[in-house]
Amino acid sequence: MNERNITLTPLSPDDRDRFIRDNQVAFKYGAVEEFGLRDDHFEEDGEIISSRTIETCIDAGDAYRIRQDGEIVGGLVVRINPDTQHNHLDLLFVDPAVHSRGIGRAAWREVEQLYPDTRVWETCTPYFDKRNIHFYVNKCGFQIVEFYCAMHHDPNEPECDDEGPDEMFRFEKQMQ
């Protein structure tokens, strides 16, 4: 594990398509690892997260590439609310080929340093992605604060939205 060489660089327009594909590979890895190829949680063309969902996140937030020794190993998108400093991590992914090397944790530390005025960080992850749940709770210090399901819908998502899993954990990390 060599966390010292992890940096974040803003996503360049010419890397947008690769960012989307890399994100889909990483998210699909978690679903296939949990369910195998029999999974029915895919959004489009066998992807766990649609390119439209990723594009919406990129367009609404600040997108970064995670680099180790200058090489791309992942990416993330954050949405910053300068008025409330209640900020949101929309996406964070690491190439499955380099999982378990501290890259995600080091990238998250970089995010916290980039946005030191944050009062609260929030993020969500599907109920089945135990790796993500472990990462956010045990590595990054988030707490599970809500579970969205058929009996408790996410108030920020339209109920008719058929994209993505309908069971998600919402996490928060109090910073100040």
N, C-alpha and C. Protein backbone atom coordinates (compact mmCIF):
# COMPACT_ATOMS: atom_id res chain seq x y z
N MET A 1 0.85 -1.17 0.00
CA MET A 1 0.00 0.00 0.00
C MET A 1 0.90 1.24 0.00
N ASN A 2 0.67 2.12 -0.98
CA ASN A 2 1.48 3.33 -1.08
C ASN A 2 0.56 4.52 -1.25
N GLU A 3 -0.09 4.91 -0.17
CA GLU A 3 -1.08 5.97 -0.20
C GLU A 3 -0.48 7.34 -0.48
N ARG A 4 0.80 7.51 -0.23
CA ARG A 4 1.41 8.83 -0.40
C ARG A 4 1.37 9.30 -1.84
N ASN A 5 1.25 8.42 -2.79
CA ASN A 5 1.31 8.81 -4.19
C ASN A 5 -0.07 8.95 -4.82
N ILE A 6 -1.11 9.12 -4.01
CA ILE A 6 -2.47 9.29 -4.50
C ILE A 6 -2.76 10.78 -4.65
N THR A 7 -3.23 11.16 -5.83
CA THR A 7 -3.62 12.55 -6.08
C THR A 7 -4.96 12.57 -6.79
N LEU A 8 -5.63 13.72 -6.71
CA LEU A 8 -6.87 13.96 -7.44
C LEU A 8 -6.61 15.03 -8.47
N THR A 9 -7.05 14.79 -9.70
CA THR A 9 -6.94 15.79 -10.75
C THR A 9 -8.33 15.99 -11.36
N PRO A 10 -8.68 17.24 -11.66
CA PRO A 10 -10.00 17.49 -12.26
C PRO A 10 -10.17 16.67 -13.54
N LEU A 11 -11.39 16.18 -13.74
CA LEU A 11 -11.71 15.41 -14.94
C LEU A 11 -11.61 16.32 -16.15
N SER A 12 -10.87 15.89 -17.16
CA SER A 12 -10.76 16.67 -18.39
C SER A 12 -11.87 16.23 -19.36
N PRO A 13 -12.36 17.14 -20.19
CA PRO A 13 -13.44 16.80 -21.13
C PRO A 13 -13.10 15.61 -22.03
N ASP A 14 -11.84 15.48 -22.42
CA ASP A 14 -11.48 14.37 -23.32
C ASP A 14 -11.39 13.02 -22.61
N ASP A 15 -11.51 13.02 -21.28
CA ASP A 15 -11.47 11.78 -20.50
C ASP A 15 -12.86 11.36 -20.02
N ARG A 16 -13.87 12.13 -20.35
CA ARG A 16 -15.23 11.90 -19.85
C ARG A 16 -15.76 10.51 -20.21
N ASP A 17 -15.63 10.09 -21.45
CA ASP A 17 -16.15 8.78 -21.88
C ASP A 17 -15.44 7.64 -21.16
N ARG A 18 -14.11 7.75 -21.00
CA ARG A 18 -13.37 6.71 -20.29
C ARG A 18 -13.76 6.68 -18.81
N PHE A 19 -13.97 7.86 -18.21
CA PHE A 19 -14.41 7.96 -16.82
C PHE A 19 -15.71 7.18 -16.64
N ILE A 20 -16.65 7.38 -17.57
CA ILE A 20 -17.94 6.70 -17.50
C ILE A 20 -17.75 5.19 -17.61
N ARG A 21 -16.96 4.75 -18.58
CA ARG A 21 -16.72 3.31 -18.74
C ARG A 21 -16.02 2.72 -17.51
N ASP A 22 -14.99 3.41 -17.01
CA ASP A 22 -14.26 2.93 -15.83
C ASP A 22 -15.20 2.82 -14.63
N ASN A 23 -16.08 3.80 -14.47
CA ASN A 23 -17.04 3.77 -13.37
C ASN A 23 -17.97 2.58 -13.52
N GLN A 24 -18.47 2.33 -14.71
CA GLN A 24 -19.36 1.20 -14.93
C GLN A 24 -18.67 -0.12 -14.64
N VAL A 25 -17.42 -0.26 -15.03
CA VAL A 25 -16.67 -1.49 -14.75
C VAL A 25 -16.56 -1.71 -13.25
N ALA A 26 -16.21 -0.66 -12.52
CA ALA A 26 -16.03 -0.78 -11.07
C ALA A 26 -17.35 -1.10 -10.36
N PHE A 27 -18.44 -0.44 -10.74
CA PHE A 27 -19.73 -0.70 -10.09
C PHE A 27 -20.25 -2.08 -10.46
N LYS A 28 -20.06 -2.48 -11.70
CA LYS A 28 -20.53 -3.80 -12.12
C LYS A 28 -19.76 -4.90 -11.38
N TYR A 29 -18.49 -4.66 -11.12
CA TYR A 29 -17.67 -5.62 -10.39
C TYR A 29 -18.31 -5.98 -9.06
N GLY A 30 -18.77 -4.95 -8.32
CA GLY A 30 -19.40 -5.20 -7.02
C GLY A 30 -20.68 -6.00 -7.13
N ALA A 31 -21.49 -5.70 -8.13
CA ALA A 31 -22.75 -6.42 -8.31
C ALA A 31 -22.51 -7.86 -8.74
N VAL A 32 -21.60 -8.06 -9.67
CA VAL A 32 -21.31 -9.41 -10.14
C VAL A 32 -20.66 -10.23 -9.03
N GLU A 33 -19.81 -9.57 -8.23
CA GLU A 33 -19.18 -10.26 -7.10
C GLU A 33 -20.23 -10.76 -6.12
N GLU A 34 -21.28 -9.97 -5.91
CA GLU A 34 -22.33 -10.33 -4.95
C GLU A 34 -23.35 -11.30 -5.54
N PHE A 35 -23.80 -11.05 -6.76
CA PHE A 35 -24.91 -11.80 -7.32
C PHE A 35 -24.55 -12.73 -8.47
N GLY A 36 -23.34 -12.59 -9.01
CA GLY A 36 -23.02 -13.32 -10.22
C GLY A 36 -23.74 -12.70 -11.40
N LEU A 37 -23.75 -13.35 -12.51
CA LEU A 37 -24.35 -12.78 -13.72
C LEU A 37 -25.87 -12.92 -13.73
N ARG A 38 -26.45 -13.52 -12.70
CA ARG A 38 -27.90 -13.66 -12.66
C ARG A 38 -28.59 -12.41 -12.13
N ASP A 39 -27.84 -11.40 -11.78
CA ASP A 39 -28.37 -10.20 -11.15
C ASP A 39 -29.39 -9.49 -12.03
N ASP A 40 -30.39 -8.90 -11.40
CA ASP A 40 -31.39 -8.13 -12.13
C ASP A 40 -31.36 -6.66 -11.73
N HIS A 41 -30.26 -6.18 -11.20
CA HIS A 41 -30.16 -4.79 -10.74
C HIS A 41 -29.53 -3.86 -11.79
N PHE A 42 -29.29 -4.36 -12.97
CA PHE A 42 -28.61 -3.56 -13.98
C PHE A 42 -29.56 -2.55 -14.60
N GLU A 43 -29.03 -1.38 -14.94
CA GLU A 43 -29.83 -0.30 -15.50
C GLU A 43 -29.94 -0.40 -17.02
N GLU A 44 -28.82 -0.36 -17.71
CA GLU A 44 -28.84 -0.33 -19.17
C GLU A 44 -27.75 -1.22 -19.73
N ASP A 45 -28.06 -1.93 -20.75
CA ASP A 45 -27.07 -2.75 -21.45
C ASP A 45 -26.17 -3.53 -20.50
N GLY A 46 -26.75 -4.10 -19.45
CA GLY A 46 -25.98 -4.91 -18.52
C GLY A 46 -25.12 -4.13 -17.56
N GLU A 47 -25.36 -2.83 -17.40
CA GLU A 47 -24.57 -2.00 -16.49
C GLU A 47 -25.35 -1.76 -15.20
N ILE A 48 -24.65 -1.77 -14.08
CA ILE A 48 -25.27 -1.51 -12.79
C ILE A 48 -25.61 -0.04 -12.63
N ILE A 49 -24.89 0.82 -13.33
CA ILE A 49 -25.14 2.26 -13.31
C ILE A 49 -25.10 2.75 -14.75
N SER A 50 -26.11 3.49 -15.13
CA SER A 50 -26.21 3.93 -16.52
C SER A 50 -25.25 5.08 -16.81
N SER A 51 -24.89 5.21 -18.06
CA SER A 51 -24.05 6.34 -18.45
C SER A 51 -24.80 7.65 -18.20
N ARG A 52 -26.13 7.63 -18.35
CA ARG A 52 -26.93 8.83 -18.09
C ARG A 52 -26.81 9.24 -16.62
N THR A 53 -26.85 8.28 -15.70
CA THR A 53 -26.71 8.59 -14.28
C THR A 53 -25.34 9.19 -13.99
N ILE A 54 -24.30 8.61 -14.55
CA ILE A 54 -22.94 9.11 -14.34
C ILE A 54 -22.79 10.50 -14.93
N GLU A 55 -23.31 10.71 -16.15
CA GLU A 55 -23.23 12.03 -16.79
C GLU A 55 -23.95 13.08 -15.95
N THR A 56 -25.10 12.73 -15.40
CA THR A 56 -25.84 13.66 -14.55
C THR A 56 -25.01 14.05 -13.34
N CYS A 57 -24.35 13.08 -12.73
CA CYS A 57 -23.48 13.37 -11.58
C CYS A 57 -22.33 14.29 -11.98
N ILE A 58 -21.68 13.97 -13.08
CA ILE A 58 -20.55 14.79 -13.55
C ILE A 58 -21.01 16.23 -13.80
N ASP A 59 -22.14 16.37 -14.48
CA ASP A 59 -22.63 17.70 -14.84
C ASP A 59 -23.05 18.53 -13.63
N ALA A 60 -23.50 17.86 -12.56
CA ALA A 60 -23.99 18.57 -11.38
C ALA A 60 -22.91 18.82 -10.33
N GLY A 61 -21.75 18.21 -10.50
CA GLY A 61 -20.75 18.29 -9.44
C GLY A 61 -19.35 18.59 -9.95
N ASP A 62 -18.39 18.29 -9.10
CA ASP A 62 -16.96 18.41 -9.42
C ASP A 62 -16.41 17.00 -9.56
N ALA A 63 -15.93 16.68 -10.75
CA ALA A 63 -15.42 15.33 -11.03
C ALA A 63 -13.90 15.33 -11.02
N TYR A 64 -13.35 14.28 -10.45
CA TYR A 64 -11.90 14.13 -10.34
C TYR A 64 -11.49 12.72 -10.75
N ARG A 65 -10.27 12.63 -11.26
CA ARG A 65 -9.64 11.34 -11.48
C ARG A 65 -8.75 11.06 -10.27
N ILE A 66 -8.78 9.83 -9.81
CA ILE A 66 -7.87 9.38 -8.77
C ILE A 66 -6.65 8.81 -9.49
N ARG A 67 -5.48 9.29 -9.10
CA ARG A 67 -4.24 8.83 -9.73
C ARG A 67 -3.29 8.31 -8.67
N GLN A 68 -2.57 7.26 -9.04
CA GLN A 68 -1.50 6.74 -8.21
C GLN A 68 -0.25 6.81 -9.06
N ASP A 69 0.74 7.54 -8.56
CA ASP A 69 1.98 7.77 -9.33
C ASP A 69 1.67 8.27 -10.73
N GLY A 70 0.64 9.12 -10.84
CA GLY A 70 0.28 9.72 -12.12
C GLY A 70 -0.64 8.89 -13.00
N GLU A 71 -0.80 7.61 -12.68
CA GLU A 71 -1.65 6.72 -13.48
C GLU A 71 -3.08 6.72 -12.95
N ILE A 72 -4.04 6.74 -13.83
CA ILE A 72 -5.45 6.73 -13.45
C ILE A 72 -5.80 5.39 -12.82
N VAL A 73 -6.38 5.45 -11.60
CA VAL A 73 -6.81 4.23 -10.90
C VAL A 73 -8.25 4.34 -10.40
N GLY A 74 -8.94 5.43 -10.73
CA GLY A 74 -10.32 5.59 -10.29
C GLY A 74 -10.82 6.98 -10.55
N GLY A 75 -11.92 7.30 -9.89
CA GLY A 75 -12.51 8.62 -10.05
C GLY A 75 -13.55 8.88 -8.98
N LEU A 76 -13.98 10.12 -8.90
CA LEU A 76 -15.01 10.49 -7.95
C LEU A 76 -15.69 11.77 -8.39
N VAL A 77 -16.90 11.96 -7.87
CA VAL A 77 -17.67 13.18 -8.12
C VAL A 77 -18.26 13.64 -6.79
N VAL A 78 -18.08 14.92 -6.49
CA VAL A 78 -18.67 15.52 -5.30
C VAL A 78 -19.54 16.70 -5.71
N ARG A 79 -20.58 16.95 -4.90
CA ARG A 79 -21.40 18.15 -5.06
C ARG A 79 -21.22 18.99 -3.81
N ILE A 80 -20.83 20.22 -4.00
CA ILE A 80 -20.51 21.11 -2.89
C ILE A 80 -21.59 22.19 -2.78
N ASN A 81 -22.15 22.35 -1.58
CA ASN A 81 -23.11 23.41 -1.32
C ASN A 81 -22.37 24.47 -0.50
N PRO A 82 -21.95 25.57 -1.16
CA PRO A 82 -21.15 26.57 -0.44
C PRO A 82 -21.92 27.28 0.68
N ASP A 83 -23.26 27.28 0.61
CA ASP A 83 -24.05 27.95 1.64
C ASP A 83 -24.17 27.13 2.91
N THR A 84 -24.50 25.85 2.78
CA THR A 84 -24.72 25.01 3.96
C THR A 84 -23.50 24.17 4.33
N GLN A 85 -22.61 23.95 3.37
CA GLN A 85 -21.47 23.05 3.55
C GLN A 85 -21.92 21.64 3.94
N HIS A 86 -23.14 21.29 3.53
CA HIS A 86 -23.63 19.91 3.61
C HIS A 86 -23.38 19.35 2.21
N ASN A 87 -22.28 18.65 2.06
CA ASN A 87 -21.78 18.24 0.75
C ASN A 87 -22.05 16.77 0.49
N HIS A 88 -22.02 16.41 -0.77
CA HIS A 88 -22.43 15.05 -1.16
C HIS A 88 -21.36 14.40 -2.03
N LEU A 89 -21.02 13.18 -1.68
CA LEU A 89 -20.18 12.34 -2.52
C LEU A 89 -21.12 11.54 -3.41
N ASP A 90 -21.15 11.87 -4.70
CA ASP A 90 -22.05 11.19 -5.63
C ASP A 90 -21.47 9.87 -6.13
N LEU A 91 -20.20 9.86 -6.44
CA LEU A 91 -19.54 8.67 -6.99
C LEU A 91 -18.13 8.58 -6.45
N LEU A 92 -17.70 7.38 -6.15
CA LEU A 92 -16.30 7.11 -5.85
C LEU A 92 -16.04 5.68 -6.31
N PHE A 93 -15.08 5.53 -7.18
CA PHE A 93 -14.75 4.18 -7.66
C PHE A 93 -13.26 4.03 -7.84
N VAL A 94 -12.80 2.81 -7.63
CA VAL A 94 -11.40 2.44 -7.82
C VAL A 94 -11.39 1.23 -8.75
N ASP A 95 -10.45 1.21 -9.64
CA ASP A 95 -10.29 0.08 -10.56
C ASP A 95 -10.18 -1.21 -9.75
N PRO A 96 -11.04 -2.21 -10.03
CA PRO A 96 -10.99 -3.45 -9.25
C PRO A 96 -9.62 -4.13 -9.25
N ALA A 97 -8.81 -3.88 -10.27
CA ALA A 97 -7.48 -4.49 -10.33
C ALA A 97 -6.56 -3.99 -9.21
N VAL A 98 -6.91 -2.86 -8.59
CA VAL A 98 -6.06 -2.31 -7.53
C VAL A 98 -6.84 -2.13 -6.22
N HIS A 99 -7.91 -2.89 -6.05
CA HIS A 99 -8.64 -2.87 -4.78
C HIS A 99 -7.75 -3.32 -3.63
N SER A 100 -8.12 -2.93 -2.43
CA SER A 100 -7.48 -3.34 -1.17
C SER A 100 -6.04 -2.86 -1.04
N ARG A 101 -5.75 -1.72 -1.63
CA ARG A 101 -4.41 -1.13 -1.52
C ARG A 101 -4.43 0.24 -0.85
N GLY A 102 -5.57 0.61 -0.28
CA GLY A 102 -5.66 1.90 0.40
C GLY A 102 -5.90 3.08 -0.51
N ILE A 103 -6.16 2.84 -1.78
CA ILE A 103 -6.33 3.93 -2.74
C ILE A 103 -7.61 4.72 -2.45
N GLY A 104 -8.72 4.03 -2.24
CA GLY A 104 -9.97 4.73 -1.96
C GLY A 104 -9.89 5.57 -0.70
N ARG A 105 -9.30 5.02 0.34
CA ARG A 105 -9.16 5.76 1.60
C ARG A 105 -8.27 6.97 1.42
N ALA A 106 -7.17 6.82 0.71
CA ALA A 106 -6.27 7.95 0.46
C ALA A 106 -6.96 9.02 -0.39
N ALA A 107 -7.74 8.59 -1.37
CA ALA A 107 -8.49 9.54 -2.21
C ALA A 107 -9.50 10.30 -1.36
N TRP A 108 -10.18 9.58 -0.45
CA TRP A 108 -11.14 10.25 0.42
C TRP A 108 -10.46 11.28 1.30
N ARG A 109 -9.29 10.98 1.83
CA ARG A 109 -8.53 11.96 2.62
C ARG A 109 -8.23 13.21 1.81
N GLU A 110 -7.89 13.00 0.53
CA GLU A 110 -7.64 14.14 -0.36
C GLU A 110 -8.89 15.00 -0.51
N VAL A 111 -10.05 14.37 -0.66
CA VAL A 111 -11.31 15.11 -0.77
C VAL A 111 -11.53 15.95 0.48
N GLU A 112 -11.34 15.34 1.65
CA GLU A 112 -11.54 16.08 2.89
C GLU A 112 -10.59 17.28 2.98
N GLN A 113 -9.38 17.15 2.47
CA GLN A 113 -8.43 18.26 2.48
C GLN A 113 -8.82 19.34 1.46
N LEU A 114 -9.40 18.92 0.33
CA LEU A 114 -9.83 19.88 -0.69
C LEU A 114 -11.00 20.74 -0.22
N TYR A 115 -11.83 20.19 0.65
CA TYR A 115 -13.05 20.86 1.11
C TYR A 115 -13.09 20.93 2.64
N PRO A 116 -12.15 21.70 3.22
CA PRO A 116 -12.03 21.71 4.68
C PRO A 116 -13.19 22.40 5.40
N ASP A 117 -14.01 23.17 4.71
CA ASP A 117 -15.12 23.85 5.35
C ASP A 117 -16.38 23.00 5.44
N THR A 118 -16.30 21.77 4.94
CA THR A 118 -17.46 20.88 4.97
C THR A 118 -17.91 20.63 6.41
N ARG A 119 -19.21 20.75 6.62
CA ARG A 119 -19.78 20.44 7.94
C ARG A 119 -20.24 18.98 7.97
N VAL A 120 -20.87 18.53 6.86
CA VAL A 120 -21.39 17.17 6.77
C VAL A 120 -21.14 16.65 5.36
N TRP A 121 -20.64 15.44 5.29
CA TRP A 121 -20.57 14.71 4.02
C TRP A 121 -21.69 13.69 4.01
N GLU A 122 -22.28 13.49 2.85
CA GLU A 122 -23.34 12.49 2.69
C GLU A 122 -23.04 11.67 1.44
N THR A 123 -23.42 10.40 1.48
CA THR A 123 -23.33 9.53 0.31
C THR A 123 -24.31 8.38 0.48
N CYS A 124 -24.52 7.65 -0.59
CA CYS A 124 -25.39 6.46 -0.58
C CYS A 124 -24.69 5.32 -1.29
N THR A 125 -25.08 4.11 -0.95
CA THR A 125 -24.58 2.94 -1.67
C THR A 125 -25.65 1.85 -1.62
N PRO A 126 -25.68 1.00 -2.66
CA PRO A 126 -26.68 -0.07 -2.67
C PRO A 126 -26.52 -1.01 -1.48
N TYR A 127 -27.64 -1.54 -1.04
CA TYR A 127 -27.69 -2.43 0.14
C TYR A 127 -26.78 -3.65 0.00
N PHE A 128 -26.55 -4.11 -1.23
CA PHE A 128 -25.83 -5.36 -1.42
C PHE A 128 -24.32 -5.19 -1.47
N ASP A 129 -23.83 -3.95 -1.57
CA ASP A 129 -22.40 -3.76 -1.77
C ASP A 129 -21.67 -3.69 -0.43
N LYS A 130 -21.44 -4.87 0.15
CA LYS A 130 -20.81 -4.96 1.47
C LYS A 130 -19.43 -4.30 1.49
N ARG A 131 -18.72 -4.40 0.38
CA ARG A 131 -17.39 -3.78 0.30
C ARG A 131 -17.50 -2.26 0.50
N ASN A 132 -18.49 -1.64 -0.16
CA ASN A 132 -18.68 -0.20 -0.01
C ASN A 132 -19.13 0.16 1.41
N ILE A 133 -20.03 -0.61 1.95
CA ILE A 133 -20.52 -0.34 3.30
C ILE A 133 -19.35 -0.39 4.29
N HIS A 134 -18.53 -1.42 4.18
CA HIS A 134 -17.33 -1.53 5.02
C HIS A 134 -16.42 -0.32 4.82
N PHE A 135 -16.20 0.07 3.58
CA PHE A 135 -15.32 1.19 3.27
C PHE A 135 -15.81 2.48 3.93
N TYR A 136 -17.07 2.82 3.70
CA TYR A 136 -17.57 4.09 4.23
C TYR A 136 -17.62 4.10 5.75
N VAL A 137 -18.06 3.02 6.37
CA VAL A 137 -18.21 2.99 7.83
C VAL A 137 -16.87 2.78 8.52
N ASN A 138 -16.14 1.75 8.13
CA ASN A 138 -14.93 1.35 8.87
C ASN A 138 -13.65 2.05 8.44
N LYS A 139 -13.59 2.51 7.22
CA LYS A 139 -12.37 3.16 6.73
C LYS A 139 -12.46 4.69 6.72
N CYS A 140 -13.67 5.21 6.42
CA CYS A 140 -13.80 6.66 6.23
C CYS A 140 -14.55 7.37 7.35
N GLY A 141 -15.15 6.62 8.27
CA GLY A 141 -15.80 7.23 9.42
C GLY A 141 -17.23 7.71 9.21
N PHE A 142 -17.88 7.26 8.16
CA PHE A 142 -19.29 7.59 7.95
C PHE A 142 -20.15 6.75 8.89
N GLN A 143 -21.37 7.20 9.11
CA GLN A 143 -22.36 6.43 9.86
C GLN A 143 -23.58 6.20 8.97
N ILE A 144 -24.16 5.03 9.08
CA ILE A 144 -25.40 4.76 8.36
C ILE A 144 -26.51 5.51 9.10
N VAL A 145 -27.25 6.34 8.36
CA VAL A 145 -28.29 7.14 8.99
C VAL A 145 -29.68 6.86 8.44
N GLU A 146 -29.76 6.12 7.33
CA GLU A 146 -31.07 5.85 6.75
C GLU A 146 -30.96 4.67 5.80
N PHE A 147 -32.08 3.95 5.66
CA PHE A 147 -32.17 2.85 4.70
C PHE A 147 -33.39 3.09 3.83
N TYR A 148 -33.15 3.29 2.53
CA TYR A 148 -34.24 3.48 1.58
C TYR A 148 -34.66 2.13 1.03
N CYS A 149 -35.98 1.90 1.02
CA CYS A 149 -36.53 0.64 0.53
C CYS A 149 -37.97 0.87 0.12
N ALA A 150 -38.69 -0.19 -0.21
CA ALA A 150 -40.08 -0.06 -0.65
C ALA A 150 -40.96 0.62 0.41
N MET A 151 -40.61 0.45 1.67
CA MET A 151 -41.41 1.04 2.75
C MET A 151 -40.93 2.43 3.17
N HIS A 152 -39.79 2.85 2.63
CA HIS A 152 -39.21 4.16 2.99
C HIS A 152 -38.42 4.66 1.79
N HIS A 153 -39.06 5.47 0.95
CA HIS A 153 -38.42 5.95 -0.28
C HIS A 153 -37.51 7.14 -0.01
N ASP A 154 -36.50 7.27 -0.85
CA ASP A 154 -35.62 8.43 -0.83
C ASP A 154 -36.45 9.64 -1.23
N PRO A 155 -36.59 10.64 -0.36
CA PRO A 155 -37.43 11.80 -0.69
C PRO A 155 -36.86 12.65 -1.83
N ASN A 156 -35.60 12.47 -2.16
CA ASN A 156 -34.97 13.24 -3.23
C ASN A 156 -35.05 12.57 -4.59
N GLU A 157 -35.62 11.37 -4.63
CA GLU A 157 -35.73 10.64 -5.89
C GLU A 157 -37.19 10.47 -6.25
N PRO A 158 -37.53 10.68 -7.54
CA PRO A 158 -38.92 10.44 -7.93
C PRO A 158 -39.29 8.97 -7.76
N GLU A 159 -40.48 8.71 -7.27
CA GLU A 159 -40.90 7.33 -7.00
C GLU A 159 -41.03 6.50 -8.27
N CYS A 160 -41.20 7.15 -9.40
CA CYS A 160 -41.34 6.40 -10.64
C CYS A 160 -40.00 6.12 -11.30
N ASP A 161 -38.92 6.57 -10.70
CA ASP A 161 -37.58 6.36 -11.26
C ASP A 161 -37.22 4.89 -11.18
N ASP A 162 -37.02 4.28 -12.33
CA ASP A 162 -36.70 2.85 -12.39
C ASP A 162 -35.20 2.59 -12.43
N GLU A 163 -34.38 3.62 -12.33
CA GLU A 163 -32.95 3.41 -12.42
C GLU A 163 -32.38 2.98 -11.09
N GLY A 164 -31.48 2.03 -11.14
CA GLY A 164 -30.71 1.64 -9.98
C GLY A 164 -31.47 0.82 -8.97
N PRO A 165 -30.75 0.31 -8.00
CA PRO A 165 -31.38 -0.49 -6.96
C PRO A 165 -32.32 0.37 -6.13
N ASP A 166 -33.41 -0.23 -5.66
CA ASP A 166 -34.36 0.54 -4.87
C ASP A 166 -34.11 0.41 -3.37
N GLU A 167 -33.04 -0.26 -2.99
CA GLU A 167 -32.66 -0.38 -1.59
C GLU A 167 -31.25 0.15 -1.43
N MET A 168 -31.15 1.26 -0.70
CA MET A 168 -29.88 1.96 -0.55
C MET A 168 -29.69 2.37 0.90
N PHE A 169 -28.42 2.35 1.34
CA PHE A 169 -28.05 2.94 2.62
C PHE A 169 -27.60 4.36 2.36
N ARG A 170 -28.02 5.28 3.24
CA ARG A 170 -27.53 6.65 3.21
C ARG A 170 -26.59 6.82 4.39
N PHE A 171 -25.45 7.42 4.13
CA PHE A 171 -24.40 7.63 5.14
C PHE A 171 -24.17 9.12 5.34
N GLU A 172 -23.75 9.50 6.54
CA GLU A 172 -23.30 10.85 6.82
C GLU A 172 -22.01 10.79 7.62
N LYS A 173 -21.21 11.82 7.42
CA LYS A 173 -20.01 12.00 8.23
C LYS A 173 -20.00 13.43 8.71
N GLN A 174 -20.11 13.61 10.02
CA GLN A 174 -20.08 14.94 10.62
C GLN A 174 -18.63 15.39 10.70
N MET A 175 -18.36 16.57 10.18
CA MET A 175 -16.97 17.06 10.14
C MET A 175 -16.73 18.14 11.19
N GLN A 176 -17.72 18.98 11.46
CA GLN A 176 -17.52 20.12 12.38
C GLN A 176 -18.63 20.17 13.39
